[in-house]
Protein backbone atom coordinates (compact mmCIF):
# COMPACT_ATOMS: atom_id res chain seq x y z
CA MET A 1 -30.33 -51.80 -18.29
CA THR A 2 -33.88 -50.97 -17.19
CA ALA A 3 -34.19 -50.84 -13.38
CA LEU A 4 -36.77 -53.22 -11.89
CA THR A 5 -38.83 -52.95 -8.72
CA LEU A 6 -41.65 -54.96 -7.20
CA SER A 7 -44.47 -52.71 -6.01
CA THR A 8 -47.64 -53.07 -3.96
CA ALA A 9 -48.79 -49.56 -4.94
CA ALA A 10 -52.18 -49.02 -6.54
CA ALA A 11 -52.08 -47.96 -10.19
CA PRO A 12 -54.04 -44.68 -9.78
CA GLY A 13 -51.66 -43.16 -7.26
CA LEU A 14 -48.35 -44.24 -8.80
CA ARG A 15 -46.22 -41.54 -10.39
CA ALA A 16 -45.09 -42.88 -13.76
CA ASP A 17 -45.11 -42.03 -17.45
CA ALA A 18 -47.48 -44.90 -18.23
CA ILE A 19 -49.48 -47.77 -16.75
CA VAL A 20 -49.21 -51.02 -18.75
CA ILE A 21 -52.15 -53.42 -18.65
CA GLY A 22 -52.84 -56.71 -20.38
CA VAL A 23 -55.65 -57.41 -22.81
CA ALA A 24 -56.69 -60.88 -23.92
CA LYS A 25 -58.35 -61.92 -27.15
CA GLY A 26 -61.70 -63.40 -26.16
CA SER A 27 -64.48 -64.99 -28.18
CA ASN A 28 -66.61 -61.85 -27.81
CA GLY A 29 -63.86 -59.27 -28.22
CA PRO A 30 -61.03 -58.01 -26.02
CA SER A 31 -61.09 -58.61 -22.28
CA VAL A 32 -59.06 -56.90 -19.58
CA ALA A 33 -56.57 -59.27 -17.95
CA PRO A 34 -56.11 -59.70 -14.20
CA GLY A 35 -53.90 -57.09 -12.61
CA ALA A 36 -55.71 -54.18 -14.25
CA GLU A 37 -58.83 -54.16 -12.06
CA ALA A 38 -58.17 -50.68 -10.65
CA VAL A 39 -57.63 -49.27 -14.13
CA ASP A 40 -60.80 -50.90 -15.46
CA LYS A 41 -62.78 -49.56 -12.49
CA ALA A 42 -61.62 -46.03 -13.29
CA TYR A 43 -63.19 -46.47 -16.74
CA ASP A 44 -66.45 -47.53 -15.03
CA GLY A 45 -65.79 -51.14 -16.03
CA ARG A 46 -65.94 -50.25 -19.72
CA LEU A 47 -62.23 -50.39 -20.55
CA ALA A 48 -62.67 -53.41 -22.83
CA ASP A 49 -65.36 -51.56 -24.80
CA VAL A 50 -63.16 -48.47 -25.11
CA LEU A 51 -60.26 -50.57 -26.37
CA GLU A 52 -62.45 -52.36 -28.89
CA THR A 53 -63.68 -48.99 -30.17
CA LEU A 54 -60.03 -48.00 -30.66
CA GLY A 55 -59.45 -51.14 -32.73
CA ALA A 56 -57.75 -53.29 -30.11
CA SER A 57 -58.45 -57.03 -30.20
CA GLY A 58 -56.05 -58.43 -27.60
CA ALA A 59 -53.91 -60.10 -30.27
CA GLU A 60 -50.38 -60.99 -29.21
CA GLY A 61 -48.02 -58.01 -29.21
CA GLU A 62 -50.71 -55.46 -30.12
CA VAL A 63 -50.10 -52.12 -28.36
CA THR A 64 -52.83 -49.51 -27.84
CA LYS A 65 -52.26 -46.21 -26.02
CA LEU A 66 -55.05 -44.12 -24.50
CA PRO A 67 -55.31 -41.23 -22.02
CA ALA A 68 -55.36 -42.31 -18.39
CA PRO A 69 -58.59 -41.74 -16.41
CA SER A 70 -59.07 -38.62 -14.34
CA GLY A 71 -57.25 -38.81 -11.01
CA PHE A 72 -54.40 -41.01 -12.24
CA LYS A 73 -50.90 -39.64 -11.72
CA ALA A 74 -49.72 -41.42 -14.89
CA PRO A 75 -50.91 -39.66 -18.06
CA VAL A 76 -51.13 -42.72 -20.33
CA VAL A 77 -52.47 -46.27 -20.22
CA VAL A 78 -50.73 -48.74 -22.52
CA ALA A 79 -52.80 -51.82 -23.31
CA VAL A 80 -50.76 -54.73 -24.67
CA GLY A 81 -52.17 -57.88 -26.24
CA LEU A 82 -51.60 -61.20 -24.47
CA GLY A 83 -53.13 -63.34 -27.18
CA ALA A 84 -55.88 -65.90 -26.70
CA GLU A 85 -57.78 -65.80 -23.44
CA PRO A 86 -56.82 -68.86 -21.33
CA ASP A 87 -59.29 -71.43 -20.03
CA LYS A 88 -61.29 -70.39 -16.98
CA ASP A 89 -59.08 -72.11 -14.39
CA ALA A 90 -55.79 -71.49 -16.18
CA GLY A 91 -53.57 -68.44 -16.14
CA PHE A 92 -51.50 -66.89 -18.88
CA ASP A 93 -48.34 -68.85 -19.61
CA GLY A 94 -44.94 -67.34 -19.03
CA GLU A 95 -44.14 -66.79 -22.69
CA ALA A 96 -47.36 -64.80 -23.27
CA LEU A 97 -46.43 -62.53 -20.34
CA ARG A 98 -42.83 -62.28 -21.52
CA ARG A 99 -43.79 -61.25 -25.05
CA ALA A 100 -46.43 -58.76 -23.91
CA ALA A 101 -44.06 -57.10 -21.45
CA GLY A 102 -41.39 -56.93 -24.15
CA ALA A 103 -43.69 -55.30 -26.68
CA ALA A 104 -44.82 -52.73 -24.12
CA ALA A 105 -41.27 -51.95 -22.96
CA ARG A 106 -40.16 -51.36 -26.53
CA ALA A 107 -43.17 -49.08 -27.17
CA LEU A 108 -42.17 -47.03 -24.12
CA ALA A 109 -38.67 -46.16 -25.31
CA GLY A 110 -37.84 -42.68 -24.04
CA ALA A 111 -39.98 -43.01 -20.90
CA LYS A 112 -38.41 -42.67 -17.46
CA LYS A 113 -40.80 -44.96 -15.56
CA ALA A 114 -43.65 -47.33 -16.35
CA ALA A 115 -45.84 -49.41 -14.07
CA PHE A 116 -46.68 -52.89 -15.34
CA ALA A 117 -50.09 -54.09 -14.10
CA LEU A 118 -49.93 -57.47 -15.84
CA PRO A 119 -51.18 -60.78 -14.36
CA LEU A 120 -48.86 -61.91 -11.54
CA ALA A 121 -50.47 -65.00 -10.07
CA GLU A 122 -47.15 -66.35 -8.76
CA ALA A 123 -43.44 -65.61 -8.55
CA ALA A 124 -42.74 -67.26 -11.91
CA ASP A 125 -45.08 -64.76 -13.58
CA ALA A 126 -43.12 -61.88 -12.07
CA GLY A 127 -39.93 -63.43 -13.44
CA ALA A 128 -41.46 -63.75 -16.91
CA VAL A 129 -42.67 -60.14 -16.95
CA ALA A 130 -39.28 -58.95 -15.68
CA GLU A 131 -37.48 -60.87 -18.45
CA GLY A 132 -39.84 -59.48 -21.05
CA VAL A 133 -39.26 -55.91 -19.88
CA LEU A 134 -35.48 -56.22 -19.73
CA LEU A 135 -35.18 -57.97 -23.09
CA GLY A 136 -37.81 -55.83 -24.82
CA ALA A 137 -36.23 -52.56 -23.71
CA TYR A 138 -32.89 -53.54 -25.26
CA ALA A 139 -31.30 -51.17 -27.76
CA PHE A 140 -27.91 -51.27 -29.46
CA ASP A 141 -26.88 -47.68 -30.08
CA ALA A 142 -23.15 -47.68 -29.38
CA TYR A 143 -22.38 -46.42 -32.89
CA LYS A 144 -25.09 -43.76 -33.18
CA GLU A 145 -24.37 -40.07 -32.66
CA SER A 146 -28.05 -39.47 -31.92
CA ALA A 147 -27.80 -41.83 -28.95
CA LYS A 148 -24.81 -39.92 -27.61
CA GLU A 149 -26.80 -36.71 -27.85
CA THR A 150 -29.81 -38.26 -26.13
CA LYS A 151 -27.69 -39.48 -23.24
CA GLY A 152 -25.62 -36.30 -23.11
CA ALA A 153 -25.94 -33.09 -21.12
CA LYS A 154 -29.21 -32.36 -19.38
CA GLY A 155 -31.61 -30.76 -21.81
CA ALA A 156 -29.84 -32.07 -24.91
CA LYS A 157 -32.18 -33.52 -27.50
CA GLY A 158 -31.14 -36.26 -29.84
CA ASN A 159 -32.93 -38.11 -32.62
CA GLY A 160 -32.90 -41.42 -30.75
CA LYS A 161 -34.81 -42.54 -27.67
CA ALA A 162 -33.18 -44.10 -24.66
CA PRO A 163 -34.61 -47.43 -23.44
CA LEU A 164 -37.24 -47.39 -20.71
CA ALA A 165 -35.34 -46.40 -17.57
CA GLU A 166 -37.43 -48.00 -14.81
CA ALA A 167 -40.23 -50.55 -14.55
CA ALA A 168 -42.36 -51.18 -11.47
CA LEU A 169 -44.15 -54.53 -11.39
CA LEU A 170 -47.49 -53.94 -9.69
CA GLY A 171 -48.92 -56.83 -7.73
CA GLY A 172 -45.44 -58.05 -6.91
CA LYS A 173 -44.45 -58.95 -3.38
CA PRO A 174 -41.25 -57.10 -2.45
CA ARG A 175 -40.76 -59.05 0.79
CA ASP A 176 -41.54 -62.49 -0.63
CA LYS A 177 -38.34 -64.53 -1.13
CA ALA A 178 -39.70 -66.35 -4.18
CA TYR A 179 -40.65 -63.11 -5.93
CA LYS A 180 -37.31 -61.49 -5.10
CA ALA A 181 -35.45 -64.55 -6.38
CA ALA A 182 -37.47 -64.56 -9.61
CA ILE A 183 -36.61 -60.91 -10.26
CA GLU A 184 -32.92 -61.40 -9.45
CA ARG A 185 -32.73 -64.41 -11.77
CA ALA A 186 -34.44 -62.47 -14.56
CA ALA A 187 -32.00 -59.59 -14.14
CA ALA A 188 -28.90 -61.82 -14.23
CA VAL A 189 -30.01 -63.87 -17.24
CA SER A 190 -31.35 -60.88 -19.17
CA GLU A 191 -28.26 -58.77 -18.59
CA GLU A 192 -26.00 -61.53 -19.88
CA LEU A 193 -28.32 -62.28 -22.80
CA ASN A 194 -28.21 -58.60 -23.73
CA ARG A 195 -24.42 -58.74 -23.51
CA ALA A 196 -24.55 -61.59 -26.06
CA ARG A 197 -26.76 -59.41 -28.27
CA ASP A 198 -24.22 -56.59 -28.02
CA LEU A 199 -21.44 -58.93 -29.15
CA VAL A 200 -23.47 -60.17 -32.12
CA ASN A 201 -24.32 -56.60 -33.13
CA THR A 202 -20.78 -55.26 -32.82
CA PRO A 203 -19.19 -54.63 -36.24
CA PRO A 204 -16.50 -57.18 -37.16
CA ASN A 205 -13.84 -54.48 -37.50
CA ASP A 206 -14.20 -53.98 -33.73
CA LEU A 207 -14.77 -57.62 -32.73
CA ASP A 208 -12.12 -59.94 -34.08
CA PRO A 209 -11.12 -63.14 -32.20
CA GLU A 210 -8.57 -61.31 -30.04
CA ALA A 211 -11.11 -58.64 -29.04
CA PHE A 212 -13.76 -61.25 -28.24
CA ALA A 213 -11.27 -63.11 -26.06
CA ALA A 214 -10.47 -59.88 -24.22
CA VAL A 215 -14.18 -59.32 -23.46
CA ALA A 216 -14.38 -62.86 -22.07
CA GLN A 217 -11.28 -62.32 -19.93
CA THR A 218 -12.69 -59.13 -18.41
CA ALA A 219 -16.04 -60.74 -17.58
CA ALA A 220 -14.36 -63.84 -16.17
CA LYS A 221 -12.25 -61.75 -13.80
CA GLU A 222 -15.35 -59.85 -12.65
CA HIS A 223 -17.36 -62.98 -11.86
CA GLY A 224 -14.73 -65.34 -10.49
CA ILE A 225 -14.53 -67.54 -13.59
CA LYS A 226 -11.25 -69.15 -14.60
CA VAL A 227 -10.22 -68.32 -18.14
CA GLN A 228 -7.61 -69.69 -20.51
CA VAL A 229 -6.92 -68.23 -23.96
CA LEU A 230 -5.00 -70.19 -26.58
CA ASP A 231 -3.48 -67.93 -29.24
CA GLU A 232 -2.00 -69.01 -32.59
CA LYS A 233 1.24 -70.20 -31.00
CA ALA A 234 -0.57 -72.32 -28.42
CA LEU A 235 -3.06 -73.63 -30.99
CA THR A 236 -0.20 -74.66 -33.26
CA LYS A 237 1.64 -76.38 -30.43
CA GLY A 238 -1.55 -78.19 -29.40
CA GLY A 239 -2.43 -79.34 -32.93
CA TYR A 240 -5.75 -77.53 -33.31
CA GLY A 241 -5.81 -77.88 -37.09
CA GLY A 242 -9.46 -77.05 -37.55
CA ILE A 243 -9.38 -73.68 -35.81
CA LEU A 244 -6.03 -72.79 -37.37
CA GLY A 245 -7.18 -73.84 -40.84
CA VAL A 246 -10.27 -71.63 -40.72
CA GLY A 247 -8.35 -68.64 -39.38
CA ALA A 248 -5.38 -69.03 -41.77
CA GLY A 249 -6.61 -66.50 -44.30
CA SER A 250 -7.17 -63.64 -41.87
CA ALA A 251 -4.79 -61.01 -40.51
CA SER A 252 -6.64 -61.49 -37.21
CA GLY A 253 -5.44 -64.71 -35.63
CA PRO A 254 -7.81 -67.33 -34.16
CA ARG A 255 -8.33 -68.05 -30.48
CA LEU A 256 -9.75 -70.83 -28.32
CA VAL A 257 -11.14 -69.50 -25.05
CA LYS A 258 -11.95 -71.79 -22.13
CA LEU A 259 -14.18 -70.41 -19.36
CA SER A 260 -14.53 -72.54 -16.21
CA TYR A 261 -17.17 -71.91 -13.56
CA THR A 262 -17.00 -74.34 -10.64
CA SER A 263 -19.26 -74.82 -7.64
CA PRO A 264 -18.03 -76.55 -4.48
CA LYS A 265 -21.42 -78.27 -4.23
CA ALA A 266 -21.52 -79.48 -7.84
CA LYS A 267 -22.33 -83.11 -8.58
CA LYS A 268 -22.61 -82.70 -12.35
CA SER A 269 -20.46 -81.08 -15.01
CA LEU A 270 -21.51 -79.55 -18.32
CA ALA A 271 -19.52 -78.29 -21.28
CA PHE A 272 -20.95 -75.67 -23.64
CA VAL A 273 -19.16 -75.19 -26.98
CA GLY A 274 -19.79 -72.16 -29.21
CA LYS A 275 -19.00 -71.41 -32.83
CA GLY A 276 -17.30 -68.02 -32.90
CA ILE A 277 -16.65 -66.97 -36.49
CA THR A 278 -16.38 -63.22 -35.93
CA TYR A 279 -16.83 -62.66 -39.66
CA ASP A 280 -17.55 -65.24 -42.33
CA SER A 281 -16.76 -64.32 -45.93
CA GLY A 282 -16.88 -67.97 -46.91
CA GLY A 283 -13.12 -67.98 -47.39
CA ILE A 284 -11.91 -69.11 -50.82
CA SER A 285 -15.42 -70.54 -51.36
CA LEU A 286 -16.61 -66.93 -51.26
CA LYS A 287 -20.23 -66.25 -50.42
CA PRO A 288 -22.33 -64.76 -53.25
CA ALA A 289 -23.43 -61.13 -53.20
CA GLY A 290 -26.19 -60.49 -50.69
CA HIS A 291 -25.00 -63.12 -48.22
CA ASN A 292 -22.17 -61.21 -46.55
CA GLU A 293 -23.91 -58.27 -44.93
CA THR A 294 -25.01 -60.02 -41.73
CA MET A 295 -22.06 -62.36 -41.33
CA LYS A 296 -20.90 -60.54 -38.20
CA CYS A 297 -23.54 -62.73 -36.52
CA ASP A 298 -21.64 -65.96 -37.22
CA MET A 299 -20.21 -65.84 -33.69
CA ALA A 300 -23.67 -65.92 -32.07
CA GLY A 301 -23.10 -69.46 -30.75
CA ALA A 302 -19.95 -68.41 -28.90
CA ALA A 303 -21.74 -65.31 -27.60
CA ALA A 304 -24.55 -67.51 -26.23
CA VAL A 305 -22.09 -69.89 -24.55
CA PHE A 306 -20.14 -67.00 -23.03
CA ALA A 307 -23.32 -65.38 -21.68
CA ALA A 308 -24.64 -68.66 -20.27
CA VAL A 309 -21.44 -69.43 -18.34
CA VAL A 310 -21.38 -65.94 -16.82
CA ALA A 311 -25.08 -66.21 -15.95
CA ALA A 312 -24.48 -69.57 -14.25
CA ALA A 313 -21.73 -67.95 -12.17
CA ARG A 314 -23.90 -64.98 -11.24
CA LEU A 315 -26.73 -67.30 -10.18
CA GLY A 316 -24.34 -69.47 -8.17
CA LEU A 317 -25.69 -72.67 -9.71
CA GLU A 318 -24.49 -75.88 -8.06
CA VAL A 319 -23.06 -77.36 -11.23
CA ASN A 320 -19.69 -77.08 -12.96
CA VAL A 321 -19.97 -75.36 -16.33
CA THR A 322 -17.15 -75.00 -18.84
CA GLY A 323 -17.54 -72.81 -21.90
CA TRP A 324 -15.42 -73.24 -25.03
CA LEU A 325 -15.36 -70.35 -27.50
CA ALA A 326 -13.90 -71.39 -30.87
CA LEU A 327 -12.99 -68.02 -32.39
CA ALA A 328 -11.72 -67.33 -35.91
CA GLU A 329 -12.29 -65.02 -38.85
CA ASN A 330 -12.91 -66.78 -42.17
CA MET A 331 -11.29 -64.71 -44.91
CA PRO A 332 -9.84 -65.31 -48.42
CA SER A 333 -6.18 -64.52 -48.95
CA GLY A 334 -2.96 -66.07 -50.20
CA SER A 335 -2.59 -67.93 -46.91
CA ALA A 336 -6.19 -69.14 -46.68
CA THR A 337 -7.17 -72.79 -46.60
CA ARG A 338 -8.16 -73.97 -50.11
CA PRO A 339 -10.83 -76.42 -51.23
CA GLY A 340 -8.94 -79.70 -51.48
CA ASP A 341 -6.62 -79.01 -48.53
CA VAL A 342 -6.46 -81.59 -45.75
CA LEU A 343 -6.44 -80.49 -42.10
CA ARG A 344 -5.30 -82.63 -39.19
CA MET A 345 -7.75 -81.94 -36.39
CA TYR A 346 -7.05 -81.78 -32.66
CA SER A 347 -8.50 -85.30 -32.33
CA GLY A 348 -5.93 -86.62 -34.81
CA LYS A 349 -8.46 -87.24 -37.58
CA THR A 350 -7.81 -85.74 -40.98
CA VAL A 351 -10.49 -83.74 -42.81
CA GLU A 352 -10.52 -82.89 -46.50
CA VAL A 353 -11.93 -79.39 -46.93
CA LEU A 354 -14.23 -79.46 -49.93
CA ASN A 355 -15.87 -76.12 -49.14
CA THR A 356 -14.23 -73.43 -47.00
CA ASP A 357 -17.67 -71.98 -46.26
CA ALA A 358 -18.42 -75.10 -44.19
CA GLU A 359 -15.98 -73.72 -41.64
CA GLY A 360 -18.07 -73.69 -38.47
CA ARG A 361 -17.95 -77.45 -38.11
CA LEU A 362 -14.15 -77.33 -38.36
CA VAL A 363 -13.64 -74.98 -35.41
CA LEU A 364 -16.36 -76.76 -33.42
CA ALA A 365 -14.73 -80.14 -34.05
CA ASP A 366 -11.53 -79.06 -32.31
CA ALA A 367 -13.40 -77.48 -29.41
CA LEU A 368 -15.71 -80.49 -29.00
CA TRP A 369 -12.73 -82.83 -28.77
CA ALA A 370 -11.01 -80.54 -26.27
CA ALA A 371 -14.19 -80.44 -24.16
CA SER A 372 -14.51 -84.23 -24.37
CA GLN A 373 -11.06 -84.74 -22.83
CA GLU A 374 -12.40 -83.42 -19.52
CA LYS A 375 -15.18 -86.04 -19.59
CA PRO A 376 -18.15 -83.84 -18.62
CA ASP A 377 -21.54 -85.43 -18.02
CA ALA A 378 -22.89 -83.72 -21.13
CA ILE A 379 -21.83 -81.38 -23.94
CA ILE A 380 -24.00 -78.92 -25.84
CA ASP A 381 -22.67 -77.04 -28.84
CA VAL A 382 -24.36 -73.93 -30.23
CA ALA A 383 -23.77 -72.65 -33.75
CA THR A 384 -25.16 -70.62 -36.62
CA LEU A 385 -24.17 -73.62 -38.66
CA THR A 386 -26.25 -74.22 -41.79
CA GLY A 387 -28.57 -72.46 -44.18
CA ALA A 388 -30.22 -75.85 -44.58
CA MET A 389 -31.60 -75.60 -41.04
CA MET A 390 -33.17 -72.26 -41.90
CA LEU A 391 -34.80 -73.82 -44.96
CA ALA A 392 -36.18 -76.60 -42.76
CA LEU A 393 -37.35 -74.61 -39.74
CA GLY A 394 -37.55 -70.96 -40.78
CA SER A 395 -36.13 -67.91 -39.05
CA ARG A 396 -37.51 -68.32 -35.53
CA THR A 397 -36.89 -71.97 -34.66
CA TYR A 398 -33.62 -73.78 -34.08
CA GLY A 399 -32.88 -77.46 -34.57
CA VAL A 400 -31.77 -79.85 -31.82
CA MET A 401 -29.76 -82.96 -32.67
CA ALA A 402 -28.14 -85.38 -30.24
CA ASN A 403 -26.40 -88.72 -29.81
CA ASP A 404 -28.91 -89.66 -27.11
CA ASP A 405 -32.69 -89.43 -27.56
CA ALA A 406 -33.39 -88.78 -23.89
CA PHE A 407 -30.88 -85.96 -23.74
CA ARG A 408 -32.23 -84.44 -26.94
CA SER A 409 -35.71 -84.47 -25.41
CA ALA A 410 -34.44 -82.86 -22.21
CA VAL A 411 -32.75 -80.02 -24.10
CA TYR A 412 -35.78 -79.51 -26.33
CA GLU A 413 -38.10 -79.38 -23.30
CA ALA A 414 -35.80 -76.87 -21.59
CA ALA A 415 -35.96 -74.66 -24.69
CA GLU A 416 -39.75 -74.84 -24.79
CA GLU A 417 -39.97 -74.07 -21.08
CA VAL A 418 -38.04 -70.80 -21.40
CA GLY A 419 -39.79 -69.73 -24.60
CA GLU A 420 -37.11 -70.43 -27.20
CA PRO A 421 -38.75 -72.21 -30.16
CA ALA A 422 -36.82 -75.37 -31.02
CA TRP A 423 -37.47 -78.65 -32.80
CA PRO A 424 -35.91 -82.13 -32.39
CA MET A 425 -34.14 -83.27 -35.56
CA PRO A 426 -33.00 -86.77 -36.58
CA MET A 427 -29.50 -87.96 -37.42
CA PRO A 428 -30.07 -90.48 -40.24
CA GLU A 429 -27.17 -92.91 -40.41
CA HIS A 430 -27.41 -93.27 -44.20
CA LEU A 431 -26.22 -89.67 -44.58
CA ARG A 432 -22.93 -90.42 -42.81
CA LYS A 433 -21.49 -92.20 -45.85
CA GLY A 434 -21.57 -88.95 -47.82
CA LEU A 435 -18.85 -87.58 -45.52
CA ASP A 436 -16.36 -90.24 -46.61
CA SER A 437 -13.25 -88.98 -48.39
CA ALA A 438 -10.88 -90.86 -50.70
CA THR A 439 -8.02 -88.69 -49.44
CA ALA A 440 -8.62 -88.16 -45.72
CA ASP A 441 -10.48 -89.76 -42.83
CA MET A 442 -13.52 -87.71 -43.79
CA ALA A 443 -14.64 -84.61 -45.69
CA ASN A 444 -16.26 -81.48 -44.32
CA MET A 445 -19.13 -81.76 -46.82
CA GLY A 446 -21.61 -84.52 -47.58
CA GLU A 447 -24.94 -84.77 -49.36
CA ARG A 448 -26.56 -81.43 -50.15
CA MET A 449 -30.06 -82.57 -49.24
CA GLY A 450 -30.38 -82.72 -45.48
CA GLY A 451 -27.28 -80.54 -45.12
CA GLY A 452 -28.16 -79.49 -41.57
CA LEU A 453 -28.33 -83.13 -40.50
CA VAL A 454 -25.08 -83.92 -42.30
CA ALA A 455 -23.38 -81.16 -40.30
CA GLY A 456 -24.63 -82.75 -37.09
CA LEU A 457 -23.25 -86.12 -38.16
CA PHE A 458 -19.88 -84.51 -38.84
CA LEU A 459 -19.76 -82.98 -35.35
CA ARG A 460 -20.74 -86.26 -33.71
CA GLU A 461 -17.43 -87.72 -34.90
CA PHE A 462 -15.60 -85.40 -32.49
CA VAL A 463 -17.55 -86.11 -29.30
CA GLY A 464 -15.87 -88.40 -26.80
CA GLU A 465 -17.29 -91.87 -26.31
CA GLY A 466 -19.94 -92.22 -23.62
CA ILE A 467 -20.68 -88.46 -23.35
CA ALA A 468 -24.22 -87.22 -23.93
CA TRP A 469 -24.12 -84.51 -26.58
CA ALA A 470 -26.59 -82.15 -28.21
CA HIS A 471 -26.10 -79.78 -31.14
CA LEU A 472 -28.17 -76.59 -31.45
CA ASP A 473 -28.21 -75.12 -34.97
CA ILE A 474 -29.39 -71.55 -34.35
CA ALA A 475 -28.78 -70.25 -37.89
CA GLY A 476 -32.39 -69.05 -38.20
CA PRO A 477 -33.24 -67.24 -34.96
CA ALA A 478 -29.77 -65.94 -33.99
CA PHE A 479 -30.15 -62.74 -36.03
CA ASN A 480 -33.47 -61.04 -36.73
CA GLU A 481 -33.39 -59.22 -40.06
CA GLY A 482 -37.08 -58.30 -39.85
CA ALA A 483 -39.08 -56.03 -37.59
CA PRO A 484 -38.90 -56.42 -33.80
CA PHE A 485 -41.56 -58.60 -32.18
CA GLY A 486 -42.39 -59.42 -28.57
CA TYR A 487 -39.14 -59.05 -26.65
CA THR A 488 -37.03 -59.84 -29.74
CA PRO A 489 -35.21 -56.85 -31.28
CA LYS A 490 -33.93 -56.34 -34.79
CA GLY A 491 -30.38 -57.72 -35.05
CA GLY A 492 -28.77 -60.06 -32.55
CA THR A 493 -31.30 -61.97 -30.45
CA GLY A 494 -29.28 -63.90 -27.85
CA THR A 495 -30.96 -67.15 -28.88
CA ALA A 496 -29.97 -70.24 -26.82
CA VAL A 497 -28.70 -68.35 -23.76
CA ARG A 498 -31.86 -69.09 -21.78
CA THR A 499 -31.92 -72.71 -22.92
CA LEU A 500 -28.34 -73.26 -21.75
CA VAL A 501 -29.00 -71.59 -18.40
CA ARG A 502 -32.11 -73.71 -17.89
CA VAL A 503 -30.18 -76.89 -18.72
CA ALA A 504 -27.57 -75.87 -16.15
CA GLU A 505 -30.29 -75.27 -13.56
CA LEU A 506 -31.79 -78.69 -14.23
CA ALA A 507 -28.37 -80.33 -13.94
CA ALA A 508 -27.76 -78.54 -10.64
CA ALA A 509 -31.09 -79.82 -9.33
CA GLY A 510 -30.39 -83.38 -10.52
CA GLU A 511 -33.32 -83.19 -12.93
CA LEU A 512 -31.57 -83.27 -16.30
CA GLY A 513 -32.66 -86.27 -18.35
C-alpha cells in the first residue's frame, strides 16, 4: 500500500515526481485552493489563468498536468478538481478532498513519490486526503503477468504501472497527536477496505467458501480476533438449513464464520452479518446470459463485514464487534435445492424456496438468527441482495432499511459522514403478506414490485425480538463495472466498510442513536 507521511516541507524544495494541488470551480473560472500558495507564487500568481488556458475548470475529479516552475525539484504539477468553491467562511468537505486525492493518486500510477499540497485546515482533512490517496492508488494485479514484470528485477519493464509508492501530505503536522491519529486511522481503515476489494476481485475458482474462511482465520490470528468456522458437518448438526440449502448444489461446501473482537472497556456490542455467496449462478433458477460474469462479487457483504471487524480491532475501538460471514456457492447440480423445496432454517421456521436465485436472504436468515442469540445491542447486515435496489437507487447508492427509525437514521447519517452514498428505505407492512406460503411458514419470494423492500421484510423475520437491526442492500455500488472515479476503482469497491467502522466508533463513544 502507498506509504504516507506528514510533511512541513515547502513544495519548491521537495524531491518528488509530482506536486498535487487543488483547484476549485469558481463563478469566474478555476481558483487555486489553499495549500498551493507556494506553487501559485512560483507562477507569479497566475496559476489559475494558466490552468484555465489549458482547459481546466476545477470540476470534481478533473486532472490537469503541467510542467513545474523553474527552481522546483519536482518536474510536474498535477492540478486536481475539488468541485464547487465553498462559501467564504467554509472549507472543503472531507468527501471533496477524498475524491480529489483519489483521482490524483490514480493518475500518478507508476510514480515513486508525490507531494499533496491540498487544503489541510484540520486533522480531519489530513485523514480525508490520506484515505483518498490510499483508496485511489489501489490496483488489483495479482493475475497479470505485466504486473509481475513491473515489480520484478531492477530495470525490468512491464506493461503495467505500479501504484503510487509514497505520498507526502504537505501542511500536515507530524508532531500533532490529532494529525498522527487521523493518518493512522486512515491507514488502518483503507488497508482493510482494500483487502475487501481484493476478495471481491478474486476469481471464484480461487475463492470458494473454504478459501474465504481460511483468509479470515489468518487475519483473525494476526489481529487477536477469535474465530470459529462451522463446516458442513457442524452446520448440519446445528440445523442451519438456509446456508446448507444454498450450498447444496456446489462441490465447494458452505461455511459460517464467526469473528469476535472484544474490548475490555466495551459497554456496547454490535453484530455485523455479511452475505458471502462466493459465486452466484442462480442455482436451478439459472441467471440469464449476461448476468453471470460479475457474480464473483456476490460475497461483497461478507468482505465488508470481515474488513470492518479487523479494522475495529486494529483501531482498538472500545466496543465489542462480532462478524458473521455466511459463505456458500450457489450452483445448479443434481443435489441442488429446487424451486418448491422447503428448508428448515436455523430459527426453526420453514421456508418454501420459490426461486433459488433469491438465495442471499436464505444464508443471511440463518446468520441473523445466530447473531441474535447473543443479544447484541444492534445488528447490521450487508448484502448484494437485490437487482430491485439497483433499479431504485442506481449503481452508486445503497439502500438502508431497519426495524427502528432512529437506528436507520443513525446508520444513514454515518454513511453520509464517511462519504458512502446511501438512502433510507421504507418497509411497507402490506408487502409482508406476499411472503406467505400455503406449504411452509413463509416463502423466499413475494411481490415483484418493491422486491428490494420485500427482501428486507423477509430478513426482519429472523432478527431477535428487541434488537435494533439495519439492512444495507449494496447491490449497486459494491462492484463498479464502469470507469474509475474519485477514489473508486473499476471492480470491487469495498462499499459499506467505512460505514460499519463509523457505526462502531459511534457505539464506542456512546453516540449511536
